[in-house]
Amino acid sequence: MPRVFPHFAPREYLVSGAADYHYPWYGMKPPQSLFSLTNQNLTVYLSPKVGSSGDKWGREMFLGRFQHTVDSKGRVSIPVKFREALASPNGASSEMMIISTDFDRCLVAYPIPEWRQIEEKIRKLPMMDRGVKDFLRFFYSWAVECPLDRQGRILIPPALREYANLYRDAILIGMANKIEFWDLERWKEREIQVSKQADRISETLANLGM
């Protein structure tokens, strides 16, 4: 049977693949529902529900998928729907996101309020733990502040594009409180891998009352 781990994990996916390694964030609760598909099991993280149209901070959520082209300068258009979700509850628009890497060889873009929430959780982690230190080095060393231009495009730095193989066709995935940037072909491969685990995923969710 798949196992359930009640700790905080850096990979926050609805359904996603990862290397067969679990990070020891002992005693931490995840910030949202996470489903992490490893090579040998399915790990499910559950948390309190949020509203149907907004997250627990009152912002609209990032939902859906959108295919876009990375231009020669490394710019990607952020879908209008996602830009609307970047707006704060008072209607002010955010023109900055923080992009970092993910262990699935994709990129993850966080709105500033979400990034601050992550930083608060990170401060509670056991900083002397080797796994925690390894994760923080990986996570913070790749992080870059990326503003949106007037056309709603975001410029992805060359090193991040190389890491995620984002050179031409990209797909942007809404993940409720953040956005993932995938190379289109790599995303298709991931979908195939996840579809092969559909029965196990359904069984696990059923056992958890979902």
N, C-alpha and C. Protein backbone atom coordinates (compact mmCIF):
# COMPACT_ATOMS: atom_id res chain seq x y z
N MET A 1 0.84 -1.20 0.00
CA MET A 1 0.00 0.00 0.00
C MET A 1 0.87 1.25 0.00
N PRO A 2 0.44 2.29 -0.67
CA PRO A 2 1.16 3.56 -0.60
C PRO A 2 1.20 4.06 0.83
N ARG A 3 2.22 4.82 1.16
CA ARG A 3 2.37 5.32 2.51
C ARG A 3 1.99 6.80 2.57
N VAL A 4 1.55 7.22 3.74
CA VAL A 4 1.21 8.62 3.97
C VAL A 4 2.21 9.20 4.95
N PHE A 5 2.87 10.28 4.59
CA PHE A 5 3.87 10.92 5.42
C PHE A 5 3.37 12.29 5.86
N PRO A 6 3.26 12.54 7.17
CA PRO A 6 2.75 13.83 7.64
C PRO A 6 3.82 14.89 7.79
N HIS A 7 4.71 15.02 6.82
CA HIS A 7 5.73 16.04 6.92
C HIS A 7 5.67 16.99 5.74
N PHE A 8 6.31 18.11 5.90
CA PHE A 8 6.35 19.11 4.83
C PHE A 8 7.33 18.68 3.78
N ALA A 9 6.94 18.78 2.51
CA ALA A 9 7.83 18.41 1.42
C ALA A 9 7.97 19.59 0.48
N PRO A 10 9.15 19.76 -0.14
CA PRO A 10 9.33 20.89 -1.05
C PRO A 10 8.59 20.75 -2.35
N ARG A 11 8.24 19.50 -2.75
CA ARG A 11 7.55 19.31 -4.01
C ARG A 11 6.05 19.33 -3.75
N GLU A 12 5.36 20.37 -4.18
CA GLU A 12 3.95 20.52 -3.87
C GLU A 12 3.14 20.36 -5.14
N TYR A 13 2.75 19.13 -5.47
CA TYR A 13 2.07 18.86 -6.72
C TYR A 13 0.72 18.24 -6.46
N LEU A 14 -0.20 18.46 -7.38
CA LEU A 14 -1.44 17.69 -7.33
C LEU A 14 -1.12 16.24 -7.65
N VAL A 15 -0.44 16.01 -8.75
CA VAL A 15 0.11 14.69 -9.06
C VAL A 15 1.40 14.94 -9.81
N SER A 16 2.49 14.36 -9.35
CA SER A 16 3.74 14.62 -10.04
C SER A 16 4.73 13.52 -9.75
N GLY A 17 5.78 13.45 -10.56
CA GLY A 17 6.79 12.43 -10.38
C GLY A 17 8.01 13.00 -9.71
N ALA A 18 8.79 12.13 -9.08
CA ALA A 18 10.00 12.58 -8.41
C ALA A 18 10.93 11.41 -8.20
N ALA A 19 12.16 11.70 -7.87
CA ALA A 19 13.10 10.65 -7.53
C ALA A 19 12.63 9.97 -6.25
N ASP A 20 13.06 8.75 -6.02
CA ASP A 20 12.61 7.99 -4.87
C ASP A 20 13.39 8.43 -3.63
N TYR A 21 13.04 9.59 -3.11
CA TYR A 21 13.73 10.14 -1.96
C TYR A 21 12.76 11.03 -1.21
N HIS A 22 12.70 10.89 0.11
CA HIS A 22 11.79 11.67 0.92
C HIS A 22 12.59 12.57 1.85
N TYR A 23 12.24 13.83 1.94
CA TYR A 23 12.97 14.79 2.75
C TYR A 23 12.42 14.80 4.17
N PRO A 24 13.29 14.81 5.17
CA PRO A 24 12.86 14.65 6.57
C PRO A 24 12.39 15.95 7.22
N TRP A 25 11.26 16.48 6.76
CA TRP A 25 10.74 17.69 7.41
C TRP A 25 9.85 17.26 8.56
N TYR A 26 10.44 16.72 9.60
CA TYR A 26 9.70 16.08 10.66
C TYR A 26 8.77 17.05 11.38
N GLY A 27 7.54 16.60 11.61
CA GLY A 27 6.59 17.36 12.39
C GLY A 27 5.91 18.50 11.67
N MET A 28 6.26 18.74 10.41
CA MET A 28 5.66 19.85 9.68
C MET A 28 4.44 19.37 8.91
N LYS A 29 3.41 20.20 8.85
CA LYS A 29 2.24 19.90 8.05
C LYS A 29 2.34 20.59 6.71
N PRO A 30 1.90 19.96 5.61
CA PRO A 30 2.00 20.58 4.29
C PRO A 30 1.07 21.75 4.14
N PRO A 31 1.40 22.72 3.27
CA PRO A 31 0.57 23.90 3.09
C PRO A 31 -0.67 23.67 2.27
N GLN A 32 -0.76 22.59 1.50
CA GLN A 32 -1.92 22.32 0.68
C GLN A 32 -1.93 20.84 0.35
N SER A 33 -2.94 20.38 -0.39
CA SER A 33 -2.98 18.98 -0.77
C SER A 33 -1.88 18.68 -1.76
N LEU A 34 -1.05 17.71 -1.43
CA LEU A 34 0.09 17.38 -2.26
C LEU A 34 0.07 15.90 -2.58
N PHE A 35 0.36 15.57 -3.82
CA PHE A 35 0.45 14.19 -4.21
C PHE A 35 1.79 14.01 -4.88
N SER A 36 2.69 13.25 -4.26
CA SER A 36 4.03 13.10 -4.81
C SER A 36 4.24 11.66 -5.24
N LEU A 37 4.35 11.45 -6.53
CA LEU A 37 4.49 10.11 -7.09
C LEU A 37 5.95 9.77 -7.21
N THR A 38 6.42 8.78 -6.45
CA THR A 38 7.80 8.37 -6.51
C THR A 38 7.93 7.12 -7.35
N ASN A 39 9.15 6.64 -7.51
CA ASN A 39 9.38 5.47 -8.34
C ASN A 39 8.76 4.21 -7.76
N GLN A 40 8.59 4.16 -6.44
CA GLN A 40 8.14 2.92 -5.82
C GLN A 40 6.83 3.05 -5.06
N ASN A 41 6.36 4.23 -4.80
CA ASN A 41 5.10 4.36 -4.08
C ASN A 41 4.46 5.69 -4.37
N LEU A 42 3.27 5.86 -3.85
CA LEU A 42 2.56 7.13 -3.98
C LEU A 42 2.44 7.73 -2.60
N THR A 43 2.97 8.91 -2.41
CA THR A 43 2.90 9.59 -1.13
C THR A 43 1.86 10.68 -1.23
N VAL A 44 0.91 10.70 -0.33
CA VAL A 44 -0.17 11.67 -0.38
C VAL A 44 -0.11 12.57 0.84
N TYR A 45 -0.15 13.87 0.62
CA TYR A 45 -0.16 14.86 1.69
C TYR A 45 -1.49 15.58 1.64
N LEU A 46 -2.17 15.66 2.76
CA LEU A 46 -3.47 16.31 2.80
C LEU A 46 -3.43 17.50 3.75
N SER A 47 -4.25 18.50 3.45
CA SER A 47 -4.33 19.68 4.31
C SER A 47 -5.73 20.25 4.24
N PRO A 48 -6.05 21.27 5.05
CA PRO A 48 -7.40 21.85 5.02
C PRO A 48 -7.78 22.38 3.65
N LYS A 49 -9.07 22.31 3.35
CA LYS A 49 -9.57 22.77 2.06
C LYS A 49 -9.54 24.29 1.99
N VAL A 50 -9.49 24.82 0.76
CA VAL A 50 -9.62 26.25 0.52
C VAL A 50 -10.87 26.46 -0.29
N GLY A 51 -11.24 27.70 -0.46
CA GLY A 51 -12.45 28.02 -1.20
C GLY A 51 -12.38 27.59 -2.65
N SER A 52 -13.53 27.49 -3.29
CA SER A 52 -13.56 27.00 -4.66
C SER A 52 -12.94 27.98 -5.65
N SER A 53 -12.93 29.26 -5.30
CA SER A 53 -12.41 30.24 -6.25
C SER A 53 -11.23 31.03 -5.71
N GLY A 54 -10.81 30.74 -4.51
CA GLY A 54 -9.69 31.49 -3.95
C GLY A 54 -8.96 30.67 -2.91
N ASP A 55 -7.72 31.05 -2.59
CA ASP A 55 -6.96 30.32 -1.61
C ASP A 55 -7.21 30.92 -0.22
N LYS A 56 -6.47 30.40 0.78
CA LYS A 56 -6.74 30.80 2.16
C LYS A 56 -6.31 32.24 2.44
N TRP A 57 -5.58 32.88 1.51
CA TRP A 57 -5.21 34.28 1.68
C TRP A 57 -6.16 35.20 0.91
N GLY A 58 -7.18 34.64 0.26
CA GLY A 58 -8.18 35.46 -0.40
C GLY A 58 -7.89 35.74 -1.86
N ARG A 59 -6.78 35.20 -2.40
CA ARG A 59 -6.47 35.43 -3.81
C ARG A 59 -7.11 34.35 -4.66
N GLU A 60 -7.29 34.67 -5.94
CA GLU A 60 -7.72 33.65 -6.89
C GLU A 60 -6.62 32.60 -7.04
N MET A 61 -7.01 31.37 -7.35
CA MET A 61 -6.03 30.31 -7.50
C MET A 61 -5.59 30.18 -8.95
N PHE A 62 -4.41 29.61 -9.15
CA PHE A 62 -3.92 29.30 -10.49
C PHE A 62 -4.46 27.93 -10.88
N LEU A 63 -5.31 27.91 -11.91
CA LEU A 63 -5.93 26.67 -12.36
C LEU A 63 -5.77 26.52 -13.86
N GLY A 64 -5.67 25.29 -14.34
CA GLY A 64 -5.62 25.03 -15.77
C GLY A 64 -4.20 24.93 -16.30
N ARG A 65 -4.12 24.72 -17.62
CA ARG A 65 -2.84 24.61 -18.31
C ARG A 65 -2.89 25.44 -19.59
N PHE A 66 -1.75 26.01 -19.94
CA PHE A 66 -1.68 26.89 -21.10
C PHE A 66 -0.36 26.66 -21.82
N GLN A 67 -0.43 26.43 -23.11
CA GLN A 67 0.79 26.22 -23.90
C GLN A 67 1.24 27.54 -24.50
N HIS A 68 2.52 27.85 -24.34
CA HIS A 68 3.08 29.08 -24.85
C HIS A 68 4.46 28.80 -25.45
N THR A 69 4.93 29.76 -26.22
CA THR A 69 6.25 29.65 -26.84
C THR A 69 7.24 30.54 -26.10
N VAL A 70 8.43 30.00 -25.84
CA VAL A 70 9.51 30.78 -25.27
C VAL A 70 10.20 31.51 -26.42
N ASP A 71 10.27 32.84 -26.35
CA ASP A 71 10.87 33.56 -27.46
C ASP A 71 12.40 33.53 -27.39
N SER A 72 13.05 34.15 -28.36
CA SER A 72 14.51 34.07 -28.47
C SER A 72 15.23 34.72 -27.29
N LYS A 73 14.52 35.61 -26.58
CA LYS A 73 15.13 36.27 -25.41
C LYS A 73 14.82 35.56 -24.10
N GLY A 74 14.05 34.47 -24.20
CA GLY A 74 13.72 33.72 -23.00
C GLY A 74 12.47 34.22 -22.29
N ARG A 75 11.62 34.95 -23.00
CA ARG A 75 10.40 35.47 -22.40
C ARG A 75 9.22 34.55 -22.67
N VAL A 76 8.35 34.44 -21.67
CA VAL A 76 7.14 33.62 -21.78
C VAL A 76 5.96 34.48 -21.35
N SER A 77 4.89 34.43 -22.12
CA SER A 77 3.68 35.18 -21.77
C SER A 77 2.94 34.45 -20.65
N ILE A 78 2.59 35.20 -19.62
CA ILE A 78 1.78 34.65 -18.54
C ILE A 78 0.31 34.79 -18.94
N PRO A 79 -0.45 33.70 -18.95
CA PRO A 79 -1.85 33.78 -19.37
C PRO A 79 -2.63 34.82 -18.57
N VAL A 80 -3.61 35.43 -19.23
CA VAL A 80 -4.44 36.44 -18.57
C VAL A 80 -5.06 35.88 -17.30
N LYS A 81 -5.52 34.65 -17.37
CA LYS A 81 -6.15 34.04 -16.21
C LYS A 81 -5.19 33.98 -15.03
N PHE A 82 -3.92 33.69 -15.30
CA PHE A 82 -2.92 33.64 -14.23
C PHE A 82 -2.59 35.04 -13.74
N ARG A 83 -2.54 36.00 -14.66
CA ARG A 83 -2.25 37.37 -14.23
C ARG A 83 -3.36 37.90 -13.33
N GLU A 84 -4.59 37.51 -13.62
CA GLU A 84 -5.70 37.91 -12.77
C GLU A 84 -5.56 37.30 -11.38
N ALA A 85 -5.06 36.07 -11.33
CA ALA A 85 -4.86 35.41 -10.04
C ALA A 85 -3.74 36.05 -9.24
N LEU A 86 -2.84 36.76 -9.91
CA LEU A 86 -1.76 37.44 -9.21
C LEU A 86 -2.24 38.67 -8.45
N ALA A 87 -3.41 39.17 -8.82
CA ALA A 87 -3.93 40.37 -8.17
C ALA A 87 -4.25 40.08 -6.71
N SER A 88 -4.00 41.03 -5.85
CA SER A 88 -4.29 40.90 -4.43
C SER A 88 -5.79 41.09 -4.20
N PRO A 89 -6.31 40.73 -3.00
CA PRO A 89 -7.74 40.89 -2.73
C PRO A 89 -8.25 42.31 -2.92
N ASN A 90 -7.38 43.33 -2.76
CA ASN A 90 -7.84 44.72 -2.92
C ASN A 90 -7.79 45.19 -4.37
N GLY A 91 -7.43 44.24 -5.29
CA GLY A 91 -7.44 44.57 -6.70
C GLY A 91 -6.11 45.02 -7.26
N ALA A 92 -5.12 45.24 -6.40
CA ALA A 92 -3.80 45.66 -6.87
C ALA A 92 -3.10 44.50 -7.56
N SER A 93 -2.47 44.78 -8.67
CA SER A 93 -1.81 43.74 -9.44
C SER A 93 -0.34 43.61 -9.03
N SER A 94 0.11 42.37 -8.90
CA SER A 94 1.52 42.11 -8.59
C SER A 94 2.28 41.93 -9.89
N GLU A 95 3.41 42.59 -10.02
CA GLU A 95 4.22 42.49 -11.24
C GLU A 95 5.51 41.74 -10.99
N MET A 96 5.57 40.97 -9.91
CA MET A 96 6.79 40.25 -9.56
C MET A 96 6.46 38.84 -9.11
N MET A 97 7.25 37.88 -9.58
CA MET A 97 7.17 36.52 -9.07
C MET A 97 8.59 36.05 -8.79
N ILE A 98 8.71 35.05 -7.95
CA ILE A 98 10.00 34.44 -7.68
C ILE A 98 10.00 33.05 -8.30
N ILE A 99 10.97 32.79 -9.16
CA ILE A 99 11.06 31.51 -9.85
C ILE A 99 12.23 30.72 -9.29
N SER A 100 12.00 29.45 -9.04
CA SER A 100 13.07 28.56 -8.60
C SER A 100 12.90 27.22 -9.31
N THR A 101 13.83 26.33 -9.05
CA THR A 101 13.82 25.02 -9.69
C THR A 101 13.01 24.02 -8.88
N ASP A 102 12.75 22.89 -9.50
CA ASP A 102 12.04 21.79 -8.86
C ASP A 102 12.79 20.52 -9.20
N PHE A 103 12.69 19.52 -8.33
CA PHE A 103 13.42 18.27 -8.56
C PHE A 103 12.91 17.50 -9.77
N ASP A 104 11.76 17.88 -10.31
CA ASP A 104 11.22 17.24 -11.51
C ASP A 104 11.72 17.90 -12.80
N ARG A 105 12.75 18.72 -12.70
CA ARG A 105 13.32 19.42 -13.85
C ARG A 105 12.31 20.35 -14.51
N CYS A 106 11.48 20.96 -13.71
CA CYS A 106 10.63 22.05 -14.18
C CYS A 106 10.93 23.26 -13.32
N LEU A 107 10.29 24.39 -13.63
CA LEU A 107 10.45 25.59 -12.84
C LEU A 107 9.14 25.90 -12.11
N VAL A 108 9.26 26.57 -10.99
CA VAL A 108 8.09 26.93 -10.21
C VAL A 108 8.13 28.42 -9.92
N ALA A 109 7.03 29.11 -10.23
CA ALA A 109 6.93 30.56 -10.00
C ALA A 109 5.96 30.81 -8.85
N TYR A 110 6.42 31.57 -7.87
CA TYR A 110 5.63 31.86 -6.68
C TYR A 110 5.27 33.35 -6.62
N PRO A 111 4.02 33.68 -6.36
CA PRO A 111 3.69 35.07 -6.04
C PRO A 111 4.43 35.46 -4.76
N ILE A 112 4.72 36.73 -4.59
CA ILE A 112 5.46 37.18 -3.41
C ILE A 112 4.79 36.76 -2.10
N PRO A 113 3.46 36.91 -1.93
CA PRO A 113 2.85 36.47 -0.67
C PRO A 113 3.04 34.98 -0.41
N GLU A 114 2.98 34.17 -1.45
CA GLU A 114 3.19 32.73 -1.29
C GLU A 114 4.63 32.44 -0.90
N TRP A 115 5.56 33.15 -1.51
CA TRP A 115 6.98 32.96 -1.18
C TRP A 115 7.24 33.28 0.30
N ARG A 116 6.60 34.32 0.79
CA ARG A 116 6.77 34.69 2.20
C ARG A 116 6.22 33.61 3.12
N GLN A 117 5.12 32.99 2.71
CA GLN A 117 4.57 31.89 3.50
C GLN A 117 5.54 30.72 3.55
N ILE A 118 6.17 30.43 2.42
CA ILE A 118 7.16 29.36 2.38
C ILE A 118 8.34 29.68 3.28
N GLU A 119 8.80 30.93 3.23
CA GLU A 119 9.93 31.32 4.08
C GLU A 119 9.58 31.16 5.56
N GLU A 120 8.35 31.48 5.93
CA GLU A 120 7.94 31.30 7.33
C GLU A 120 8.01 29.84 7.74
N LYS A 121 7.58 28.95 6.85
CA LYS A 121 7.64 27.52 7.16
C LYS A 121 9.08 27.03 7.21
N ILE A 122 9.90 27.55 6.32
CA ILE A 122 11.30 27.13 6.28
C ILE A 122 12.01 27.50 7.58
N ARG A 123 11.68 28.64 8.17
CA ARG A 123 12.32 29.07 9.42
C ARG A 123 12.06 28.10 10.56
N LYS A 124 11.00 27.30 10.45
CA LYS A 124 10.65 26.35 11.49
C LYS A 124 11.32 24.99 11.29
N LEU A 125 12.00 24.80 10.17
CA LEU A 125 12.65 23.53 9.89
C LEU A 125 13.92 23.38 10.73
N PRO A 126 14.32 22.14 11.01
CA PRO A 126 15.57 21.90 11.75
C PRO A 126 16.79 22.19 10.89
N MET A 127 17.37 23.35 11.06
CA MET A 127 18.42 23.84 10.16
C MET A 127 19.69 23.01 10.20
N MET A 128 19.89 22.21 11.24
CA MET A 128 21.09 21.38 11.32
C MET A 128 20.90 20.03 10.64
N ASP A 129 19.68 19.75 10.20
CA ASP A 129 19.42 18.50 9.49
C ASP A 129 20.05 18.55 8.10
N ARG A 130 20.77 17.51 7.73
CA ARG A 130 21.48 17.51 6.46
C ARG A 130 20.52 17.60 5.28
N GLY A 131 19.40 16.87 5.34
CA GLY A 131 18.44 16.93 4.25
C GLY A 131 17.85 18.31 4.09
N VAL A 132 17.57 18.99 5.21
CA VAL A 132 17.05 20.34 5.16
C VAL A 132 18.07 21.28 4.52
N LYS A 133 19.31 21.18 4.94
CA LYS A 133 20.35 22.05 4.38
C LYS A 133 20.53 21.81 2.89
N ASP A 134 20.49 20.55 2.47
CA ASP A 134 20.63 20.25 1.04
C ASP A 134 19.49 20.87 0.25
N PHE A 135 18.29 20.74 0.78
CA PHE A 135 17.14 21.32 0.09
C PHE A 135 17.25 22.84 0.01
N LEU A 136 17.61 23.50 1.12
CA LEU A 136 17.68 24.96 1.13
C LEU A 136 18.75 25.47 0.18
N ARG A 137 19.87 24.79 0.08
CA ARG A 137 20.91 25.20 -0.86
C ARG A 137 20.39 25.13 -2.29
N PHE A 138 19.70 24.03 -2.58
CA PHE A 138 19.14 23.85 -3.92
C PHE A 138 18.06 24.88 -4.20
N PHE A 139 17.17 25.05 -3.26
CA PHE A 139 15.99 25.88 -3.44
C PHE A 139 16.34 27.36 -3.55
N TYR A 140 17.14 27.85 -2.62
CA TYR A 140 17.45 29.28 -2.59
C TYR A 140 18.49 29.69 -3.62
N SER A 141 19.44 28.82 -3.91
CA SER A 141 20.51 29.21 -4.83
C SER A 141 19.99 29.43 -6.25
N TRP A 142 18.89 28.76 -6.62
CA TRP A 142 18.31 28.92 -7.95
C TRP A 142 17.27 30.03 -8.01
N ALA A 143 16.79 30.50 -6.87
CA ALA A 143 15.66 31.44 -6.84
C ALA A 143 16.04 32.80 -7.44
N VAL A 144 15.16 33.32 -8.28
CA VAL A 144 15.38 34.61 -8.95
C VAL A 144 14.08 35.41 -8.94
N GLU A 145 14.18 36.70 -8.64
CA GLU A 145 13.02 37.58 -8.77
C GLU A 145 12.82 37.92 -10.24
N CYS A 146 11.62 37.68 -10.75
CA CYS A 146 11.34 37.90 -12.18
C CYS A 146 10.09 38.78 -12.32
N PRO A 147 10.26 40.00 -12.78
CA PRO A 147 9.11 40.88 -12.96
C PRO A 147 8.37 40.58 -14.27
N LEU A 148 7.10 40.91 -14.30
CA LEU A 148 6.32 40.86 -15.53
C LEU A 148 6.44 42.20 -16.24
N ASP A 149 6.60 42.16 -17.57
CA ASP A 149 6.65 43.41 -18.32
C ASP A 149 5.24 43.88 -18.64
N ARG A 150 5.13 44.96 -19.39
CA ARG A 150 3.82 45.54 -19.67
C ARG A 150 2.96 44.65 -20.54
N GLN A 151 3.58 43.74 -21.28
CA GLN A 151 2.83 42.79 -22.11
C GLN A 151 2.48 41.51 -21.36
N GLY A 152 2.77 41.46 -20.07
CA GLY A 152 2.45 40.29 -19.27
C GLY A 152 3.42 39.14 -19.49
N ARG A 153 4.64 39.45 -19.93
CA ARG A 153 5.65 38.41 -20.15
C ARG A 153 6.63 38.39 -18.99
N ILE A 154 7.19 37.22 -18.77
CA ILE A 154 8.19 37.07 -17.73
C ILE A 154 9.48 36.56 -18.38
N LEU A 155 10.60 37.16 -18.02
CA LEU A 155 11.89 36.78 -18.58
C LEU A 155 12.54 35.74 -17.69
N ILE A 156 12.74 34.54 -18.24
CA ILE A 156 13.35 33.46 -17.48
C ILE A 156 14.86 33.48 -17.73
N PRO A 157 15.68 33.58 -16.69
CA PRO A 157 17.13 33.63 -16.87
C PRO A 157 17.66 32.39 -17.59
N PRO A 158 18.77 32.54 -18.33
CA PRO A 158 19.32 31.42 -19.11
C PRO A 158 19.58 30.15 -18.31
N ALA A 159 20.13 30.28 -17.10
CA ALA A 159 20.45 29.10 -16.31
C ALA A 159 19.20 28.30 -15.97
N LEU A 160 18.10 29.01 -15.66
CA LEU A 160 16.85 28.33 -15.35
C LEU A 160 16.25 27.69 -16.60
N ARG A 161 16.36 28.37 -17.74
CA ARG A 161 15.86 27.78 -18.99
C ARG A 161 16.62 26.50 -19.31
N GLU A 162 17.92 26.53 -19.10
CA GLU A 162 18.72 25.34 -19.38
C GLU A 162 18.34 24.19 -18.45
N TYR A 163 18.13 24.50 -17.18
CA TYR A 163 17.78 23.47 -16.21
C TYR A 163 16.49 22.75 -16.60
N ALA A 164 15.48 23.51 -17.03
CA ALA A 164 14.17 22.95 -17.35
C ALA A 164 13.99 22.66 -18.84
N ASN A 165 15.04 22.90 -19.63
CA ASN A 165 14.99 22.66 -21.08
C ASN A 165 13.91 23.50 -21.76
N LEU A 166 13.75 24.73 -21.30
CA LEU A 166 12.73 25.62 -21.84
C LEU A 166 13.33 26.48 -22.94
N TYR A 167 13.26 25.98 -24.16
CA TYR A 167 13.84 26.70 -25.30
C TYR A 167 12.81 27.05 -26.37
N ARG A 168 11.73 26.32 -26.43
CA ARG A 168 10.75 26.58 -27.48
C ARG A 168 9.32 26.46 -26.96
N ASP A 169 8.81 25.24 -26.93
CA ASP A 169 7.42 25.01 -26.52
C ASP A 169 7.36 24.73 -25.03
N ALA A 170 6.58 25.53 -24.33
CA ALA A 170 6.43 25.39 -22.89
C ALA A 170 4.96 25.24 -22.54
N ILE A 171 4.70 24.62 -21.41
CA ILE A 171 3.33 24.53 -20.92
C ILE A 171 3.34 25.01 -19.47
N LEU A 172 2.42 25.91 -19.17
CA LEU A 172 2.30 26.48 -17.84
C LEU A 172 1.16 25.78 -17.11
N ILE A 173 1.46 25.26 -15.95
CA ILE A 173 0.50 24.46 -15.18
C ILE A 173 0.10 25.21 -13.92
N GLY A 174 -1.19 25.46 -13.76
CA GLY A 174 -1.67 26.09 -12.54
C GLY A 174 -1.69 25.09 -11.40
N MET A 175 -1.06 25.44 -10.28
CA MET A 175 -0.97 24.56 -9.13
C MET A 175 -1.55 25.23 -7.90
N ALA A 176 -2.70 25.85 -8.07
CA ALA A 176 -3.45 26.51 -6.99
C ALA A 176 -2.73 27.76 -6.49
N ASN A 177 -1.59 27.59 -5.82
CA ASN A 177 -0.91 28.74 -5.23
C ASN A 177 0.39 29.10 -5.94
N LYS A 178 0.67 28.45 -7.06
CA LYS A 178 1.90 28.73 -7.81
C LYS A 178 1.74 28.22 -9.24
N ILE A 179 2.74 28.50 -10.07
CA ILE A 179 2.72 28.10 -11.48
C ILE A 179 3.95 27.27 -11.78
N GLU A 180 3.77 26.17 -12.49
CA GLU A 180 4.90 25.37 -12.95
C GLU A 180 5.14 25.63 -14.43
N PHE A 181 6.39 25.70 -14.82
CA PHE A 181 6.80 25.86 -16.22
C PHE A 181 7.48 24.56 -16.65
N TRP A 182 6.91 23.90 -17.65
CA TRP A 182 7.46 22.64 -18.15
C TRP A 182 7.81 22.75 -19.62
N ASP A 183 8.86 22.08 -20.01
CA ASP A 183 9.07 21.80 -21.42
C ASP A 183 7.93 20.90 -21.88
N LEU A 184 7.33 21.21 -23.02
CA LEU A 184 6.12 20.51 -23.46
C LEU A 184 6.34 19.01 -23.58
N GLU A 185 7.43 18.58 -24.20
CA GLU A 185 7.67 17.15 -24.38
C GLU A 185 7.90 16.46 -23.04
N ARG A 186 8.60 17.12 -22.14
CA ARG A 186 8.84 16.53 -20.81
C ARG A 186 7.53 16.39 -20.05
N TRP A 187 6.63 17.37 -20.22
CA TRP A 187 5.32 17.29 -19.58
C TRP A 187 4.51 16.12 -20.12
N LYS A 188 4.55 15.92 -21.43
CA LYS A 188 3.80 14.79 -22.01
C LYS A 188 4.31 13.46 -21.46
N GLU A 189 5.62 13.35 -21.30
CA GLU A 189 6.19 12.13 -20.72
C GLU A 189 5.71 11.94 -19.29
N ARG A 190 5.65 13.05 -18.54
CA ARG A 190 5.19 12.96 -17.15
C ARG A 190 3.74 12.53 -17.09
N GLU A 191 2.90 13.05 -17.97
CA GLU A 191 1.49 12.65 -17.98
C GLU A 191 1.33 11.16 -18.23
N ILE A 192 2.13 10.62 -19.13
CA ILE A 192 2.07 9.19 -19.41
C ILE A 192 2.45 8.39 -18.17
N GLN A 193 3.50 8.82 -17.49
CA GLN A 193 3.93 8.13 -16.28
C GLN A 193 2.85 8.15 -15.21
N VAL A 194 2.21 9.31 -15.04
CA VAL A 194 1.16 9.43 -14.03
C VAL A 194 -0.05 8.58 -14.40
N SER A 195 -0.42 8.56 -15.69
CA SER A 195 -1.59 7.79 -16.12
C SER A 195 -1.42 6.31 -15.83
N LYS A 196 -0.20 5.83 -15.87
CA LYS A 196 0.06 4.42 -15.57
C LYS A 196 -0.17 4.10 -14.09
N GLN A 197 -0.18 5.14 -13.26
CA GLN A 197 -0.39 4.96 -11.83
C GLN A 197 -1.81 5.32 -11.41
N ALA A 198 -2.71 5.48 -12.38
CA ALA A 198 -4.05 5.97 -12.07
C ALA A 198 -4.79 5.08 -11.07
N ASP A 199 -4.67 3.77 -11.22
CA ASP A 199 -5.38 2.87 -10.30
C ASP A 199 -4.89 3.03 -8.87
N ARG A 200 -3.58 3.11 -8.71
CA ARG A 200 -3.04 3.27 -7.36
C ARG A 200 -3.41 4.61 -6.76
N ILE A 201 -3.41 5.65 -7.60
CA ILE A 201 -3.79 6.98 -7.11
C ILE A 201 -5.24 6.97 -6.66
N SER A 202 -6.12 6.38 -7.47
CA SER A 202 -7.54 6.32 -7.12
C SER A 202 -7.76 5.52 -5.84
N GLU A 203 -7.05 4.42 -5.69
CA GLU A 203 -7.18 3.57 -4.50
C GLU A 203 -6.75 4.33 -3.25
N THR A 204 -5.63 5.03 -3.36
CA THR A 204 -5.13 5.78 -2.21
C THR A 204 -6.09 6.87 -1.79
N LEU A 205 -6.61 7.62 -2.77
CA LEU A 205 -7.55 8.69 -2.46
C LEU A 205 -8.83 8.14 -1.86
N ALA A 206 -9.28 7.00 -2.38
CA ALA A 206 -10.50 6.37 -1.83
C ALA A 206 -10.28 5.97 -0.38
N ASN A 207 -9.10 5.43 -0.08
CA ASN A 207 -8.79 5.04 1.31
C ASN A 207 -8.74 6.23 2.25
N LEU A 208 -8.46 7.41 1.68
CA LEU A 208 -8.40 8.63 2.48
C LEU A 208 -9.73 9.38 2.50
N GLY A 209 -10.76 8.77 1.91
CA GLY A 209 -12.08 9.37 1.96
C GLY A 209 -12.33 10.44 0.93
N MET A 210 -11.56 10.42 -0.17
CA MET A 210 -11.75 11.43 -1.21
C MET A 210 -12.36 10.79 -2.45
